[in-house]
């Protein structure tokens, strides 16, 4: 019987990306995309990898949002001087 996507699976994926840098996460997303596009893995594994890719992309967006907030704050602080 095929594996089902569960909250536990997604939570596990989220936990495993928490400490990755932006660069590391992007590298993993690219590797996942390459595997799926090349047909190197089966359908079920493709879906699991896609799920991990979604978690990785959300992680990257979070990192970018934090960086943008820091830059905006620095720009505002610079204007106050």
Protein backbone atom coordinates (compact mmCIF):
# COMPACT_ATOMS: atom_id res chain seq x y z
CA UNK A 1 0.00 0.00 0.00
CA UNK A 2 1.46 3.43 -0.92
CA UNK A 3 2.51 5.86 1.75
CA UNK A 4 0.12 8.67 2.52
CA UNK A 5 1.04 12.25 3.15
CA UNK A 6 0.36 13.06 6.75
CA UNK A 7 0.91 16.01 9.03
CA UNK A 8 3.62 13.88 10.65
CA UNK A 9 5.48 13.58 7.34
CA UNK A 10 5.29 17.32 6.72
CA UNK A 11 6.26 18.13 10.33
CA UNK A 12 9.28 15.85 9.97
CA UNK A 13 10.30 17.64 6.77
CA UNK A 14 9.94 21.04 8.47
CA UNK A 15 12.06 19.95 11.42
CA UNK A 16 14.82 18.71 9.18
CA UNK A 17 15.18 22.02 7.29
CA UNK A 18 15.13 24.38 10.25
CA UNK A 19 18.89 24.65 10.58
CA UNK A 20 19.70 24.90 6.87
CA UNK A 21 21.13 28.09 5.47
CA UNK A 22 19.44 29.72 2.50
CA UNK A 23 22.15 28.41 0.20
CA UNK A 24 21.88 24.87 1.53
CA UNK A 25 18.10 24.86 1.18
CA UNK A 26 18.20 26.20 -2.39
CA UNK A 27 20.79 23.58 -3.30
CA UNK A 28 18.46 20.85 -2.02
CA UNK A 29 15.49 22.30 -3.93
CA UNK A 30 17.54 22.27 -7.12
CA UNK A 31 18.64 18.68 -6.51
CA UNK A 32 15.04 17.61 -5.92
CA UNK A 33 13.89 19.34 -9.11
CA UNK A 34 16.68 17.70 -11.09
CA UNK A 35 15.78 14.22 -9.81
CA UNK A 36 12.09 14.65 -10.53
CA UNK A 37 12.64 16.15 -13.99
CA UNK A 38 15.12 13.43 -14.93
CA UNK A 39 12.67 10.72 -13.89
CA UNK A 40 15.29 9.24 -11.58
CA UNK A 41 12.72 8.41 -8.91
CA UNK A 42 9.29 6.83 -8.91
CA UNK A 43 5.98 8.60 -8.52
CA UNK A 44 5.61 8.12 -4.77
CA UNK A 45 9.17 9.27 -4.09
CA UNK A 46 8.61 12.20 -6.44
CA UNK A 47 5.59 13.30 -4.41
CA UNK A 48 7.55 12.99 -1.15
CA UNK A 49 10.44 14.94 -2.60
CA UNK A 50 8.04 17.57 -3.93
CA UNK A 51 6.60 17.93 -0.42
CA UNK A 52 10.09 18.41 0.95
CA UNK A 53 10.77 20.96 -1.77
CA UNK A 54 7.70 22.94 -0.72
CA UNK A 55 8.93 22.99 2.87
CA UNK A 56 12.40 24.05 1.72
CA UNK A 57 10.98 26.89 -0.40
CA UNK A 58 8.91 28.14 2.54
CA UNK A 59 12.07 28.05 4.65
CA UNK A 60 13.91 30.08 2.01
CA UNK A 61 11.10 32.64 1.84
CA UNK A 62 11.22 33.00 5.60
CA UNK A 63 14.96 33.63 5.51
CA UNK A 64 14.51 36.18 2.71
CA UNK A 65 11.69 37.93 4.59
CA UNK A 66 13.88 38.24 7.70
CA UNK A 67 16.75 39.61 5.63
CA UNK A 68 14.46 42.13 3.96
CA UNK A 69 13.17 43.28 7.35
CA UNK A 70 16.73 43.75 8.60
CA UNK A 71 17.71 45.75 5.51
CA UNK A 72 14.63 47.97 5.83
CA UNK A 73 15.42 48.57 9.49
CA UNK A 74 19.00 49.46 8.67
CA UNK A 75 17.84 51.84 5.96
CA UNK A 76 15.46 53.55 8.40
CA UNK A 77 18.15 53.75 11.07
CA UNK A 78 20.51 55.28 8.52
CA UNK A 79 17.98 58.01 7.72
CA UNK A 80 17.64 58.87 11.40
CA UNK A 81 21.36 59.65 11.74
